[in-house]
């Protein structure tokens, strides 16, 4: 699995001109499923997202608070298979490492539900799997991290 985590002031996902999800302060996480990924990696990552100290505390101390602690912050998950686009050869990304759509959807849906179980259904939003989405976000910091399940 591969993910890009961004701390945001707000974010939204629009499909066919309609806003399908939006959050205020929190995290946007773009997630890709790789061929052969095992569920354990996603379970560990969901716990990491819940407990990742990426927010300031009330005194402005950086790296002090997590989504778990800040119950007014939200999580927006977006499936993005292009995170496995290999650009080393040619001028067109090679996406052969990405899982097939049915496998990726099952894993991604389970991941979303696991995050909802951890943080609460009302705090975890997601995009539309497989759709062309307009993702708008306002980075906070900016703070952007990457996670690769193979690391």
Protein backbone atom coordinates (compact mmCIF):
# COMPACT_ATOMS: atom_id res chain seq x y z
CA UNK A 1 0.00 0.00 0.00
CA UNK A 2 1.02 3.56 -0.55
CA UNK A 3 -0.43 6.76 0.87
CA UNK A 4 0.01 10.50 0.85
CA UNK A 5 -1.16 12.23 4.04
CA UNK A 6 -1.89 15.96 4.04
CA UNK A 7 -2.86 18.12 6.99
CA UNK A 8 -5.64 20.45 5.83
CA UNK A 9 -7.75 23.37 6.98
CA UNK A 10 -10.60 22.07 4.80
CA UNK A 11 -11.15 19.74 1.85
CA UNK A 12 -13.87 18.43 -0.43
CA UNK A 13 -14.50 15.89 -3.17
CA UNK A 14 -16.76 16.72 -6.11
CA UNK A 15 -18.04 14.19 -8.66
CA UNK A 16 -20.00 15.30 -11.74
CA UNK A 17 -20.36 18.80 -10.30
CA UNK A 18 -21.78 17.59 -6.97
CA UNK A 19 -19.93 17.72 -3.64
CA UNK A 20 -19.95 14.15 -2.29
CA UNK A 21 -17.75 14.68 0.79
CA UNK A 22 -16.23 17.56 2.68
CA UNK A 23 -14.32 18.10 5.91
CA UNK A 24 -13.07 20.98 8.00
CA UNK A 25 -9.71 20.73 9.80
CA UNK A 26 -8.09 17.33 9.65
CA UNK A 27 -6.30 15.00 7.28
CA UNK A 28 -6.74 14.06 3.64
CA UNK A 29 -5.24 10.68 2.87
CA UNK A 30 -4.79 9.49 -0.71
CA UNK A 31 -4.55 5.68 -0.70
CA UNK A 32 -3.39 3.17 -3.33
CA UNK A 33 -3.68 -0.60 -3.17
CA UNK A 34 -0.83 -2.61 -4.69
CA UNK A 35 -1.10 -6.08 -6.21
CA UNK A 36 -0.52 -8.60 -3.45
CA UNK A 37 -1.12 -6.21 -0.56
CA UNK A 38 -2.08 -7.90 2.70
CA UNK A 39 -4.79 -6.60 5.02
CA UNK A 40 -2.39 -6.34 8.00
CA UNK A 41 -0.66 -3.35 6.36
CA UNK A 42 -3.95 -1.47 6.09
CA UNK A 43 -4.94 -2.32 9.66
CA UNK A 44 -1.59 -1.00 10.95
CA UNK A 45 -1.92 2.11 8.80
CA UNK A 46 -5.43 2.85 10.11
CA UNK A 47 -4.03 2.81 13.66
CA UNK A 48 -1.14 5.03 12.55
CA UNK A 49 -3.57 7.58 11.07
CA UNK A 50 -5.63 7.59 14.26
CA UNK A 51 -2.59 8.21 16.46
CA UNK A 52 -0.29 10.23 14.18
CA UNK A 53 0.81 13.32 16.12
CA UNK A 54 0.65 15.82 13.30
CA UNK A 55 -1.32 18.68 14.89
CA UNK A 56 -0.35 21.51 17.24
CA UNK A 57 -1.50 21.56 20.85
CA UNK A 58 -3.31 24.51 22.48
CA UNK A 59 0.08 26.19 23.14
CA UNK A 60 1.16 25.94 19.50
CA UNK A 61 3.58 23.07 20.11
CA UNK A 62 3.95 21.19 16.83
CA UNK A 63 3.69 17.40 16.55
CA UNK A 64 1.69 17.15 19.77
CA UNK A 65 -1.86 16.01 18.95
CA UNK A 66 -3.54 13.31 16.87
CA UNK A 67 -6.95 12.81 15.26
CA UNK A 68 -7.79 10.58 18.19
CA UNK A 69 -7.27 13.47 20.60
CA UNK A 70 -8.81 16.22 18.46
CA UNK A 71 -12.40 15.07 18.18
CA UNK A 72 -13.39 18.15 16.14
CA UNK A 73 -10.95 17.17 13.36
CA UNK A 74 -11.94 14.90 10.48
CA UNK A 75 -10.48 12.45 7.98
CA UNK A 76 -11.10 12.38 4.22
CA UNK A 77 -9.96 9.22 2.43
CA UNK A 78 -9.48 9.22 -1.34
CA UNK A 79 -8.64 6.15 -3.40
CA UNK A 80 -5.88 6.99 -5.88
CA UNK A 81 -4.39 4.09 -7.83
CA UNK A 82 -2.04 6.46 -9.70
CA UNK A 83 0.21 6.59 -6.63
CA UNK A 84 1.74 3.43 -8.11
CA UNK A 85 2.43 5.12 -11.45
CA UNK A 86 6.02 4.29 -12.44
CA UNK A 87 7.57 7.10 -14.50
CA UNK A 88 11.10 5.72 -14.87
CA UNK A 89 10.65 4.62 -18.48
CA UNK A 90 8.98 6.46 -21.32
CA UNK A 91 6.56 9.35 -21.06
CA UNK A 92 3.45 7.49 -19.93
CA UNK A 93 3.10 6.24 -16.33
CA UNK A 94 3.15 2.46 -15.95
CA UNK A 95 0.39 1.41 -13.54
CA UNK A 96 1.08 -2.35 -13.52
CA UNK A 97 1.79 -2.39 -9.76
CA UNK A 98 -1.71 -1.15 -8.86
CA UNK A 99 -4.20 -3.81 -7.77
CA UNK A 100 -7.08 -4.67 -10.10
CA UNK A 101 -10.22 -2.61 -9.45
CA UNK A 102 -12.26 -5.35 -7.71
CA UNK A 103 -9.41 -6.28 -5.34
CA UNK A 104 -8.57 -2.63 -4.66
CA UNK A 105 -12.22 -1.70 -4.01
CA UNK A 106 -12.70 -4.50 -1.47
CA UNK A 107 -9.52 -3.56 0.39
CA UNK A 108 -10.21 0.18 0.25
CA UNK A 109 -13.82 -0.23 1.47
CA UNK A 110 -12.63 -2.37 4.38
CA UNK A 111 -9.99 0.25 5.18
CA UNK A 112 -12.61 3.05 5.21
CA UNK A 113 -14.83 1.03 7.55
CA UNK A 114 -11.90 0.29 9.86
CA UNK A 115 -11.08 4.01 10.09
CA UNK A 116 -14.75 4.74 10.82
CA UNK A 117 -14.72 2.14 13.59
CA UNK A 118 -11.67 3.82 15.13
CA UNK A 119 -12.63 7.49 14.78
CA UNK A 120 -16.41 7.44 14.45
CA UNK A 121 -18.51 7.25 11.32
CA UNK A 122 -19.35 10.97 11.33
CA UNK A 123 -15.65 11.98 11.31
CA UNK A 124 -14.48 9.82 8.39
CA UNK A 125 -15.52 10.74 4.84
CA UNK A 126 -14.40 9.32 1.52
CA UNK A 127 -14.49 9.95 -2.19
CA UNK A 128 -16.12 7.75 -4.81
CA UNK A 129 -14.00 4.72 -5.68
CA UNK A 130 -13.12 4.62 -9.38
CA UNK A 131 -14.75 7.96 -10.22
CA UNK A 132 -13.12 11.00 -11.76
CA UNK A 133 -13.02 13.32 -8.76
CA UNK A 134 -12.20 16.96 -8.22
CA UNK A 135 -10.38 17.09 -4.89
CA UNK A 136 -10.01 20.56 -3.40
CA UNK A 137 -8.00 21.15 -0.27
CA UNK A 138 -6.29 23.88 1.66
CA UNK A 139 -3.00 22.58 3.02
CA UNK A 140 -2.20 23.49 6.60
CA UNK A 141 1.50 24.17 7.00
CA UNK A 142 1.91 22.64 4.50
CA UNK A 143 2.41 19.29 6.17
CA UNK A 144 2.57 16.39 3.72
CA UNK A 145 3.82 12.89 4.55
CA UNK A 146 4.15 9.71 2.55
CA UNK A 147 3.70 6.15 3.71
CA UNK A 148 4.72 3.02 1.85
CA UNK A 149 3.63 -0.29 3.30
CA UNK A 150 6.80 -1.91 1.96
CA UNK A 151 8.98 0.37 4.13
